Amino acid sequence: MSTSTPKDPVDAIIEQWATVRPDLDTAAMEVFGRIYRLARTMGDRMEKAYAPYGISRGEFDVLATLRRSDAPYALSPRQLSATLMLTTGGMTGRLDKLERAGLLRRSPDPHDRRGLQVTLTDKGLRLIDEAVGAGLAVQTAALAHLDEKQADQLAALLRELLVGAGADAGS
């Protein structure tokens, strides 16, 4: 760590382990402790960014997944559940709330008589387009102290780590 880099709470944890268990290699803890804390911090910030739109992060994820599917912005509940790694029960609750708010509608799937299709409404399309901009502004602000090269390096390293850890990068 550079002497110009301020210490963070993870540094204190690493120093404590070094005192009580100097035999431990805590390099992984330094990385994943920071990833975990960053994810929690940004998750909280994203919740605040989406709150003015009347949606949570989970509901944002549903709307954003439909939006990314391109016109006509429709997927089956099963496709949504698989993409978002949610149980069908968890997905049903989100869909119920979003449908009551007029942000999406469920209708019979024209390609599967037994299935349903979930489609963004015009209101849902407008809302998700605004909310995604608000969320990106929060994320961009968090990266502002990195220059473009550092941000690109960080993205590349995190991609390698995600793939190497066997995580589902499709979510």
N, C-alpha and C. Protein backbone atom coordinates (compact mmCIF):
# COMPACT_ATOMS: atom_id res chain seq x y z
N MET A 1 0.85 -1.18 0.00
CA MET A 1 0.00 0.00 0.00
C MET A 1 0.89 1.23 0.00
N SER A 2 0.53 2.18 -0.86
CA SER A 2 1.28 3.43 -0.95
C SER A 2 1.10 4.24 0.32
N THR A 3 2.15 4.98 0.70
CA THR A 3 2.05 5.81 1.90
C THR A 3 1.07 6.96 1.70
N SER A 4 0.76 7.32 0.44
CA SER A 4 -0.20 8.40 0.19
C SER A 4 -1.65 7.89 0.23
N THR A 5 -1.83 6.61 0.20
CA THR A 5 -3.18 6.04 0.25
C THR A 5 -3.67 6.02 1.69
N PRO A 6 -4.83 6.63 1.95
CA PRO A 6 -5.34 6.61 3.33
C PRO A 6 -5.73 5.20 3.74
N LYS A 7 -5.66 4.94 5.03
CA LYS A 7 -6.05 3.63 5.54
C LYS A 7 -7.57 3.54 5.57
N ASP A 8 -8.05 2.32 5.45
CA ASP A 8 -9.49 2.07 5.52
C ASP A 8 -9.76 1.04 6.61
N PRO A 9 -11.03 0.74 6.89
CA PRO A 9 -11.34 -0.21 7.97
C PRO A 9 -10.74 -1.61 7.74
N VAL A 10 -10.55 -1.99 6.50
CA VAL A 10 -9.95 -3.30 6.22
C VAL A 10 -8.50 -3.33 6.69
N ASP A 11 -7.79 -2.23 6.55
CA ASP A 11 -6.41 -2.17 7.03
C ASP A 11 -6.34 -2.48 8.53
N ALA A 12 -7.28 -1.93 9.29
CA ALA A 12 -7.30 -2.18 10.74
C ALA A 12 -7.52 -3.66 11.02
N ILE A 13 -8.40 -4.29 10.27
CA ILE A 13 -8.67 -5.73 10.46
C ILE A 13 -7.43 -6.55 10.14
N ILE A 14 -6.77 -6.21 9.04
CA ILE A 14 -5.56 -6.93 8.63
C ILE A 14 -4.47 -6.77 9.69
N GLU A 15 -4.32 -5.56 10.22
CA GLU A 15 -3.32 -5.33 11.27
C GLU A 15 -3.64 -6.15 12.53
N GLN A 16 -4.90 -6.26 12.88
CA GLN A 16 -5.29 -7.06 14.04
C GLN A 16 -4.94 -8.53 13.82
N TRP A 17 -5.24 -9.05 12.64
CA TRP A 17 -4.89 -10.44 12.36
C TRP A 17 -3.38 -10.65 12.39
N ALA A 18 -2.64 -9.68 11.86
CA ALA A 18 -1.18 -9.80 11.86
C ALA A 18 -0.64 -9.87 13.28
N THR A 19 -1.31 -9.20 14.20
CA THR A 19 -0.88 -9.22 15.61
C THR A 19 -1.18 -10.56 16.26
N VAL A 20 -2.40 -11.06 16.05
CA VAL A 20 -2.81 -12.28 16.76
C VAL A 20 -2.50 -13.56 15.99
N ARG A 21 -2.37 -13.46 14.66
CA ARG A 21 -2.05 -14.64 13.84
C ARG A 21 -1.10 -14.24 12.72
N PRO A 22 0.16 -13.95 13.07
CA PRO A 22 1.12 -13.51 12.05
C PRO A 22 1.40 -14.58 10.99
N ASP A 23 0.97 -15.81 11.24
CA ASP A 23 1.19 -16.89 10.29
C ASP A 23 0.21 -16.86 9.12
N LEU A 24 -0.86 -16.08 9.23
CA LEU A 24 -1.88 -16.04 8.18
C LEU A 24 -1.48 -15.14 7.02
N ASP A 25 -1.76 -15.59 5.82
CA ASP A 25 -1.61 -14.75 4.63
C ASP A 25 -2.98 -14.12 4.38
N THR A 26 -3.13 -12.85 4.67
CA THR A 26 -4.42 -12.18 4.61
C THR A 26 -4.65 -11.40 3.31
N ALA A 27 -3.86 -11.69 2.29
CA ALA A 27 -3.99 -10.96 1.01
C ALA A 27 -5.41 -11.10 0.45
N ALA A 28 -5.98 -12.30 0.49
CA ALA A 28 -7.33 -12.50 -0.04
C ALA A 28 -8.35 -11.72 0.79
N MET A 29 -8.15 -11.68 2.09
CA MET A 29 -9.05 -10.93 2.97
C MET A 29 -9.03 -9.43 2.62
N GLU A 30 -7.86 -8.94 2.27
CA GLU A 30 -7.76 -7.52 1.90
C GLU A 30 -8.61 -7.22 0.66
N VAL A 31 -8.57 -8.11 -0.31
CA VAL A 31 -9.33 -7.91 -1.54
C VAL A 31 -10.83 -8.09 -1.28
N PHE A 32 -11.21 -9.24 -0.73
CA PHE A 32 -12.62 -9.54 -0.60
C PHE A 32 -13.30 -8.72 0.51
N GLY A 33 -12.57 -8.34 1.51
CA GLY A 33 -13.13 -7.45 2.52
C GLY A 33 -13.52 -6.11 1.91
N ARG A 34 -12.67 -5.63 1.03
CA ARG A 34 -12.96 -4.35 0.37
C ARG A 34 -14.09 -4.50 -0.65
N ILE A 35 -14.10 -5.60 -1.38
CA ILE A 35 -15.20 -5.83 -2.34
C ILE A 35 -16.52 -5.90 -1.59
N TYR A 36 -16.56 -6.62 -0.49
CA TYR A 36 -17.78 -6.75 0.29
C TYR A 36 -18.24 -5.38 0.80
N ARG A 37 -17.33 -4.62 1.39
CA ARG A 37 -17.70 -3.30 1.92
C ARG A 37 -18.13 -2.34 0.82
N LEU A 38 -17.45 -2.40 -0.31
CA LEU A 38 -17.81 -1.56 -1.44
C LEU A 38 -19.20 -1.94 -1.96
N ALA A 39 -19.47 -3.23 -2.07
CA ALA A 39 -20.78 -3.69 -2.54
C ALA A 39 -21.89 -3.22 -1.61
N ARG A 40 -21.66 -3.31 -0.30
CA ARG A 40 -22.67 -2.84 0.66
C ARG A 40 -22.88 -1.34 0.55
N THR A 41 -21.80 -0.59 0.49
CA THR A 41 -21.88 0.86 0.39
C THR A 41 -22.62 1.28 -0.88
N MET A 42 -22.22 0.70 -1.99
CA MET A 42 -22.86 1.08 -3.26
C MET A 42 -24.30 0.57 -3.32
N GLY A 43 -24.57 -0.57 -2.74
CA GLY A 43 -25.94 -1.06 -2.69
C GLY A 43 -26.84 -0.07 -1.97
N ASP A 44 -26.37 0.45 -0.86
CA ASP A 44 -27.14 1.45 -0.12
C ASP A 44 -27.34 2.72 -0.94
N ARG A 45 -26.29 3.13 -1.63
CA ARG A 45 -26.40 4.34 -2.47
C ARG A 45 -27.37 4.13 -3.63
N MET A 46 -27.37 2.92 -4.19
CA MET A 46 -28.26 2.63 -5.30
C MET A 46 -29.71 2.62 -4.82
N GLU A 47 -29.96 2.07 -3.65
CA GLU A 47 -31.32 2.09 -3.08
C GLU A 47 -31.81 3.53 -2.98
N LYS A 48 -30.95 4.42 -2.50
CA LYS A 48 -31.32 5.83 -2.37
C LYS A 48 -31.57 6.47 -3.75
N ALA A 49 -30.79 6.07 -4.74
CA ALA A 49 -30.97 6.62 -6.09
C ALA A 49 -32.29 6.18 -6.70
N TYR A 50 -32.74 4.96 -6.40
CA TYR A 50 -33.97 4.44 -6.99
C TYR A 50 -35.21 4.81 -6.18
N ALA A 51 -35.04 5.17 -4.93
CA ALA A 51 -36.18 5.48 -4.06
C ALA A 51 -37.10 6.57 -4.63
N PRO A 52 -36.57 7.64 -5.20
CA PRO A 52 -37.48 8.66 -5.75
C PRO A 52 -38.39 8.13 -6.86
N TYR A 53 -38.03 7.01 -7.44
CA TYR A 53 -38.83 6.40 -8.51
C TYR A 53 -39.82 5.37 -7.95
N GLY A 54 -39.79 5.18 -6.64
CA GLY A 54 -40.72 4.26 -5.99
C GLY A 54 -40.36 2.80 -6.16
N ILE A 55 -39.07 2.53 -6.47
CA ILE A 55 -38.64 1.15 -6.67
C ILE A 55 -37.41 0.85 -5.82
N SER A 56 -37.26 -0.44 -5.53
CA SER A 56 -36.08 -0.93 -4.82
C SER A 56 -35.05 -1.40 -5.84
N ARG A 57 -33.88 -1.79 -5.36
CA ARG A 57 -32.86 -2.36 -6.26
C ARG A 57 -33.37 -3.60 -6.95
N GLY A 58 -34.07 -4.45 -6.21
CA GLY A 58 -34.60 -5.68 -6.80
C GLY A 58 -35.61 -5.41 -7.89
N GLU A 59 -36.46 -4.43 -7.66
CA GLU A 59 -37.45 -4.06 -8.68
C GLU A 59 -36.78 -3.38 -9.86
N PHE A 60 -35.75 -2.57 -9.58
CA PHE A 60 -34.96 -1.99 -10.66
C PHE A 60 -34.40 -3.11 -11.54
N ASP A 61 -33.87 -4.15 -10.92
CA ASP A 61 -33.27 -5.25 -11.68
C ASP A 61 -34.28 -5.89 -12.64
N VAL A 62 -35.52 -6.07 -12.20
CA VAL A 62 -36.56 -6.64 -13.06
C VAL A 62 -36.82 -5.71 -14.25
N LEU A 63 -37.05 -4.44 -13.95
CA LEU A 63 -37.34 -3.48 -15.02
C LEU A 63 -36.16 -3.34 -15.98
N ALA A 64 -34.95 -3.30 -15.43
CA ALA A 64 -33.76 -3.15 -16.27
C ALA A 64 -33.55 -4.38 -17.16
N THR A 65 -33.84 -5.56 -16.63
CA THR A 65 -33.71 -6.78 -17.43
C THR A 65 -34.69 -6.75 -18.60
N LEU A 66 -35.91 -6.33 -18.34
CA LEU A 66 -36.88 -6.20 -19.43
C LEU A 66 -36.42 -5.14 -20.44
N ARG A 67 -35.92 -4.02 -19.95
CA ARG A 67 -35.47 -2.94 -20.84
C ARG A 67 -34.32 -3.39 -21.72
N ARG A 68 -33.40 -4.14 -21.15
CA ARG A 68 -32.24 -4.62 -21.92
C ARG A 68 -32.63 -5.65 -22.97
N SER A 69 -33.81 -6.25 -22.82
CA SER A 69 -34.23 -7.27 -23.79
C SER A 69 -34.65 -6.64 -25.12
N ASP A 70 -34.73 -5.32 -25.18
CA ASP A 70 -35.08 -4.54 -26.36
C ASP A 70 -36.55 -4.76 -26.71
N ALA A 71 -37.05 -3.91 -27.59
CA ALA A 71 -38.47 -3.94 -27.95
C ALA A 71 -38.85 -5.34 -28.42
N PRO A 72 -39.94 -5.86 -27.94
CA PRO A 72 -41.05 -5.24 -27.21
C PRO A 72 -40.89 -5.31 -25.68
N TYR A 73 -39.68 -5.46 -25.18
CA TYR A 73 -39.39 -5.44 -23.74
C TYR A 73 -40.22 -6.50 -23.00
N ALA A 74 -40.14 -7.73 -23.48
CA ALA A 74 -40.95 -8.81 -22.92
C ALA A 74 -40.11 -10.06 -22.70
N LEU A 75 -40.31 -10.69 -21.55
CA LEU A 75 -39.67 -11.97 -21.22
C LEU A 75 -40.67 -12.80 -20.42
N SER A 76 -40.41 -14.08 -20.33
CA SER A 76 -41.25 -14.93 -19.48
C SER A 76 -40.79 -14.77 -18.03
N PRO A 77 -41.67 -15.05 -17.08
CA PRO A 77 -41.23 -15.03 -15.68
C PRO A 77 -40.05 -15.97 -15.44
N ARG A 78 -40.02 -17.09 -16.14
CA ARG A 78 -38.91 -18.05 -16.00
C ARG A 78 -37.60 -17.43 -16.47
N GLN A 79 -37.63 -16.73 -17.60
CA GLN A 79 -36.41 -16.07 -18.10
C GLN A 79 -35.94 -15.00 -17.11
N LEU A 80 -36.87 -14.25 -16.57
CA LEU A 80 -36.51 -13.23 -15.58
C LEU A 80 -35.89 -13.88 -14.35
N SER A 81 -36.52 -14.95 -13.85
CA SER A 81 -36.01 -15.64 -12.66
C SER A 81 -34.60 -16.16 -12.88
N ALA A 82 -34.37 -16.74 -14.06
CA ALA A 82 -33.05 -17.31 -14.36
C ALA A 82 -32.00 -16.21 -14.46
N THR A 83 -32.33 -15.11 -15.12
CA THR A 83 -31.38 -14.01 -15.29
C THR A 83 -31.03 -13.38 -13.96
N LEU A 84 -32.05 -13.21 -13.10
CA LEU A 84 -31.84 -12.53 -11.82
C LEU A 84 -31.52 -13.49 -10.68
N MET A 85 -31.43 -14.77 -10.97
CA MET A 85 -31.12 -15.81 -9.97
C MET A 85 -32.09 -15.72 -8.79
N LEU A 86 -33.37 -15.67 -9.09
CA LEU A 86 -34.42 -15.60 -8.08
C LEU A 86 -35.30 -16.83 -8.15
N THR A 87 -35.89 -17.19 -7.02
CA THR A 87 -36.90 -18.24 -7.04
C THR A 87 -38.14 -17.70 -7.73
N THR A 88 -39.01 -18.59 -8.17
CA THR A 88 -40.24 -18.13 -8.79
C THR A 88 -41.10 -17.37 -7.78
N GLY A 89 -41.07 -17.78 -6.52
CA GLY A 89 -41.82 -17.07 -5.49
C GLY A 89 -41.32 -15.65 -5.30
N GLY A 90 -40.01 -15.49 -5.25
CA GLY A 90 -39.43 -14.15 -5.11
C GLY A 90 -39.75 -13.29 -6.32
N MET A 91 -39.73 -13.88 -7.49
CA MET A 91 -40.04 -13.14 -8.71
C MET A 91 -41.51 -12.73 -8.72
N THR A 92 -42.39 -13.61 -8.29
CA THR A 92 -43.82 -13.31 -8.28
C THR A 92 -44.12 -12.08 -7.43
N GLY A 93 -43.49 -11.98 -6.26
CA GLY A 93 -43.70 -10.82 -5.40
C GLY A 93 -43.28 -9.53 -6.07
N ARG A 94 -42.14 -9.55 -6.73
CA ARG A 94 -41.67 -8.35 -7.43
C ARG A 94 -42.61 -7.98 -8.58
N LEU A 95 -43.00 -9.00 -9.34
CA LEU A 95 -43.88 -8.74 -10.47
C LEU A 95 -45.23 -8.19 -10.01
N ASP A 96 -45.75 -8.74 -8.92
CA ASP A 96 -47.03 -8.26 -8.38
C ASP A 96 -46.95 -6.77 -8.08
N LYS A 97 -45.90 -6.36 -7.38
CA LYS A 97 -45.76 -4.95 -6.99
C LYS A 97 -45.60 -4.06 -8.21
N LEU A 98 -44.77 -4.48 -9.15
CA LEU A 98 -44.52 -3.67 -10.34
C LEU A 98 -45.75 -3.59 -11.23
N GLU A 99 -46.54 -4.66 -11.27
CA GLU A 99 -47.77 -4.65 -12.06
C GLU A 99 -48.80 -3.71 -11.41
N ARG A 100 -48.93 -3.76 -10.08
CA ARG A 100 -49.84 -2.86 -9.37
C ARG A 100 -49.47 -1.39 -9.61
N ALA A 101 -48.17 -1.12 -9.75
CA ALA A 101 -47.70 0.24 -10.00
C ALA A 101 -47.85 0.65 -11.46
N GLY A 102 -48.29 -0.27 -12.31
CA GLY A 102 -48.48 0.04 -13.72
C GLY A 102 -47.20 0.09 -14.52
N LEU A 103 -46.14 -0.54 -14.00
CA LEU A 103 -44.83 -0.50 -14.67
C LEU A 103 -44.62 -1.67 -15.61
N LEU A 104 -45.37 -2.73 -15.44
CA LEU A 104 -45.31 -3.88 -16.34
C LEU A 104 -46.68 -4.53 -16.35
N ARG A 105 -46.86 -5.42 -17.33
CA ARG A 105 -48.09 -6.20 -17.37
C ARG A 105 -47.75 -7.65 -17.69
N ARG A 106 -48.58 -8.53 -17.17
CA ARG A 106 -48.45 -9.96 -17.48
C ARG A 106 -49.60 -10.32 -18.41
N SER A 107 -49.27 -11.11 -19.42
CA SER A 107 -50.28 -11.54 -20.39
C SER A 107 -49.91 -12.93 -20.88
N PRO A 108 -50.86 -13.62 -21.52
CA PRO A 108 -50.53 -14.94 -22.06
C PRO A 108 -49.39 -14.83 -23.07
N ASP A 109 -48.50 -15.79 -23.05
CA ASP A 109 -47.37 -15.82 -23.98
C ASP A 109 -47.90 -16.27 -25.34
N PRO A 110 -47.74 -15.47 -26.38
CA PRO A 110 -48.25 -15.86 -27.70
C PRO A 110 -47.54 -17.07 -28.30
N HIS A 111 -46.39 -17.43 -27.74
CA HIS A 111 -45.62 -18.56 -28.27
C HIS A 111 -45.77 -19.82 -27.43
N ASP A 112 -46.42 -19.71 -26.27
CA ASP A 112 -46.57 -20.85 -25.36
C ASP A 112 -47.91 -20.70 -24.64
N ARG A 113 -48.88 -21.53 -25.03
CA ARG A 113 -50.23 -21.40 -24.48
C ARG A 113 -50.27 -21.56 -22.96
N ARG A 114 -49.28 -22.24 -22.40
CA ARG A 114 -49.26 -22.47 -20.95
C ARG A 114 -48.49 -21.39 -20.20
N GLY A 115 -47.81 -20.53 -20.93
CA GLY A 115 -46.91 -19.59 -20.28
C GLY A 115 -47.44 -18.17 -20.24
N LEU A 116 -46.70 -17.35 -19.49
CA LEU A 116 -46.99 -15.93 -19.39
C LEU A 116 -45.83 -15.13 -19.98
N GLN A 117 -46.14 -13.91 -20.33
CA GLN A 117 -45.14 -12.98 -20.81
C GLN A 117 -45.24 -11.72 -19.95
N VAL A 118 -44.09 -11.21 -19.54
CA VAL A 118 -44.03 -9.98 -18.75
C VAL A 118 -43.48 -8.90 -19.67
N THR A 119 -44.22 -7.79 -19.76
CA THR A 119 -43.86 -6.72 -20.69
C THR A 119 -43.84 -5.38 -19.97
N LEU A 120 -42.83 -4.57 -20.25
CA LEU A 120 -42.79 -3.21 -19.73
C LEU A 120 -43.95 -2.40 -20.32
N THR A 121 -44.58 -1.61 -19.51
CA THR A 121 -45.56 -0.65 -20.01
C THR A 121 -44.81 0.61 -20.44
N ASP A 122 -45.52 1.51 -21.09
CA ASP A 122 -44.89 2.79 -21.46
C ASP A 122 -44.40 3.52 -20.21
N LYS A 123 -45.21 3.48 -19.16
CA LYS A 123 -44.83 4.11 -17.89
C LYS A 123 -43.57 3.44 -17.33
N GLY A 124 -43.49 2.12 -17.40
CA GLY A 124 -42.32 1.39 -16.92
C GLY A 124 -41.08 1.71 -17.73
N LEU A 125 -41.25 1.85 -19.03
CA LEU A 125 -40.13 2.19 -19.91
C LEU A 125 -39.58 3.57 -19.57
N ARG A 126 -40.47 4.54 -19.39
CA ARG A 126 -40.02 5.89 -19.02
C ARG A 126 -39.31 5.87 -17.66
N LEU A 127 -39.88 5.16 -16.70
CA LEU A 127 -39.31 5.12 -15.36
C LEU A 127 -37.93 4.47 -15.37
N ILE A 128 -37.78 3.33 -16.03
CA ILE A 128 -36.48 2.64 -16.01
C ILE A 128 -35.43 3.45 -16.74
N ASP A 129 -35.81 4.15 -17.80
CA ASP A 129 -34.84 4.98 -18.51
C ASP A 129 -34.34 6.12 -17.61
N GLU A 130 -35.20 6.68 -16.78
CA GLU A 130 -34.78 7.72 -15.84
C GLU A 130 -33.97 7.11 -14.70
N ALA A 131 -34.44 6.00 -14.14
CA ALA A 131 -33.79 5.39 -12.99
C ALA A 131 -32.38 4.89 -13.33
N VAL A 132 -32.21 4.34 -14.52
CA VAL A 132 -30.87 3.85 -14.88
C VAL A 132 -29.90 5.01 -14.98
N GLY A 133 -30.35 6.14 -15.46
CA GLY A 133 -29.49 7.33 -15.50
C GLY A 133 -29.10 7.79 -14.10
N ALA A 134 -30.07 7.76 -13.18
CA ALA A 134 -29.79 8.16 -11.79
C ALA A 134 -28.79 7.21 -11.14
N GLY A 135 -28.95 5.93 -11.39
CA GLY A 135 -28.03 4.94 -10.83
C GLY A 135 -26.63 5.07 -11.40
N LEU A 136 -26.55 5.29 -12.70
CA LEU A 136 -25.23 5.47 -13.32
C LEU A 136 -24.54 6.72 -12.81
N ALA A 137 -25.30 7.76 -12.51
CA ALA A 137 -24.69 8.98 -11.96
C ALA A 137 -24.05 8.69 -10.61
N VAL A 138 -24.70 7.88 -9.79
CA VAL A 138 -24.14 7.51 -8.48
C VAL A 138 -22.87 6.68 -8.67
N GLN A 139 -22.92 5.73 -9.58
CA GLN A 139 -21.75 4.88 -9.82
C GLN A 139 -20.59 5.68 -10.41
N THR A 140 -20.89 6.58 -11.33
CA THR A 140 -19.85 7.42 -11.94
C THR A 140 -19.20 8.31 -10.90
N ALA A 141 -20.01 8.86 -10.01
CA ALA A 141 -19.46 9.71 -8.94
C ALA A 141 -18.51 8.92 -8.04
N ALA A 142 -18.85 7.66 -7.77
CA ALA A 142 -17.99 6.82 -6.92
C ALA A 142 -16.65 6.53 -7.58
N LEU A 143 -16.63 6.50 -8.90
CA LEU A 143 -15.38 6.24 -9.64
C LEU A 143 -14.59 7.51 -9.96
N ALA A 144 -15.13 8.66 -9.60
CA ALA A 144 -14.56 9.94 -10.04
C ALA A 144 -13.11 10.15 -9.62
N HIS A 145 -12.68 9.56 -8.51
CA HIS A 145 -11.29 9.81 -8.09
C HIS A 145 -10.29 8.90 -8.81
N LEU A 146 -10.79 8.00 -9.65
CA LEU A 146 -9.90 7.18 -10.49
C LEU A 146 -9.84 7.82 -11.87
N ASP A 147 -8.67 7.76 -12.50
CA ASP A 147 -8.63 8.23 -13.88
C ASP A 147 -9.15 7.11 -14.78
N GLU A 148 -9.31 7.41 -16.06
CA GLU A 148 -9.92 6.45 -17.00
C GLU A 148 -9.12 5.15 -17.06
N LYS A 149 -7.79 5.27 -17.07
CA LYS A 149 -6.95 4.07 -17.15
C LYS A 149 -7.13 3.20 -15.90
N GLN A 150 -7.17 3.83 -14.72
CA GLN A 150 -7.37 3.07 -13.48
C GLN A 150 -8.74 2.39 -13.47
N ALA A 151 -9.76 3.10 -13.92
CA ALA A 151 -11.11 2.52 -13.95
C ALA A 151 -11.16 1.34 -14.90
N ASP A 152 -10.50 1.47 -16.05
CA ASP A 152 -10.44 0.36 -17.01
C ASP A 152 -9.69 -0.83 -16.43
N GLN A 153 -8.57 -0.57 -15.74
CA GLN A 153 -7.80 -1.65 -15.11
C GLN A 153 -8.62 -2.36 -14.04
N LEU A 154 -9.30 -1.57 -13.23
CA LEU A 154 -10.12 -2.14 -12.17
C LEU A 154 -11.22 -3.03 -12.77
N ALA A 155 -11.89 -2.54 -13.80
CA ALA A 155 -12.94 -3.33 -14.45
C ALA A 155 -12.38 -4.64 -15.01
N ALA A 156 -11.21 -4.57 -15.63
CA ALA A 156 -10.59 -5.77 -16.20
C ALA A 156 -10.19 -6.76 -15.11
N LEU A 157 -9.60 -6.27 -14.03
CA LEU A 157 -9.20 -7.16 -12.94
C LEU A 157 -10.41 -7.80 -12.27
N LEU A 158 -11.46 -7.03 -12.06
CA LEU A 158 -12.66 -7.59 -11.45
C LEU A 158 -13.33 -8.62 -12.36
N ARG A 159 -13.29 -8.37 -13.68
CA ARG A 159 -13.82 -9.35 -14.63
C ARG A 159 -13.05 -10.66 -14.51
N GLU A 160 -11.71 -10.57 -14.48
CA GLU A 160 -10.88 -11.77 -14.35
C GLU A 160 -11.21 -12.51 -13.06
N LEU A 161 -11.34 -11.77 -11.98
CA LEU A 161 -11.65 -12.38 -10.68
C LEU A 161 -13.02 -13.04 -10.71
N LEU A 162 -14.00 -12.39 -11.29
CA LEU A 162 -15.35 -12.93 -11.36
C LEU A 162 -15.37 -14.22 -12.17
N VAL A 163 -14.72 -14.21 -13.33
CA VAL A 163 -14.66 -15.40 -14.17
C VAL A 163 -13.85 -16.50 -13.48
N GLY A 164 -12.73 -16.12 -12.90
CA GLY A 164 -11.88 -17.11 -12.22
C GLY A 164 -12.54 -17.74 -11.01
N ALA A 165 -13.43 -16.99 -10.37
CA ALA A 165 -14.13 -17.54 -9.20
C ALA A 165 -15.31 -18.39 -9.61
N GLY A 166 -15.59 -18.43 -10.92
CA GLY A 166 -16.69 -19.26 -11.41
C GLY A 166 -18.05 -18.65 -11.18
N ALA A 167 -18.09 -17.33 -10.96
CA ALA A 167 -19.38 -16.66 -10.72
C ALA A 167 -20.14 -16.56 -12.03
N ASP A 168 -21.45 -16.48 -11.91
CA ASP A 168 -22.32 -16.33 -13.09
C ASP A 168 -22.23 -14.90 -13.54
N ALA A 169 -21.42 -14.64 -14.57
CA ALA A 169 -21.23 -13.27 -15.06
C ALA A 169 -22.41 -12.80 -15.88
N GLY A 170 -23.40 -13.65 -16.14
CA GLY A 170 -24.56 -13.24 -16.94
C GLY A 170 -25.60 -12.49 -16.15
N SER A 171 -25.42 -12.36 -14.87
CA SER A 171 -26.47 -11.68 -14.09
C SER A 171 -26.24 -10.20 -14.00
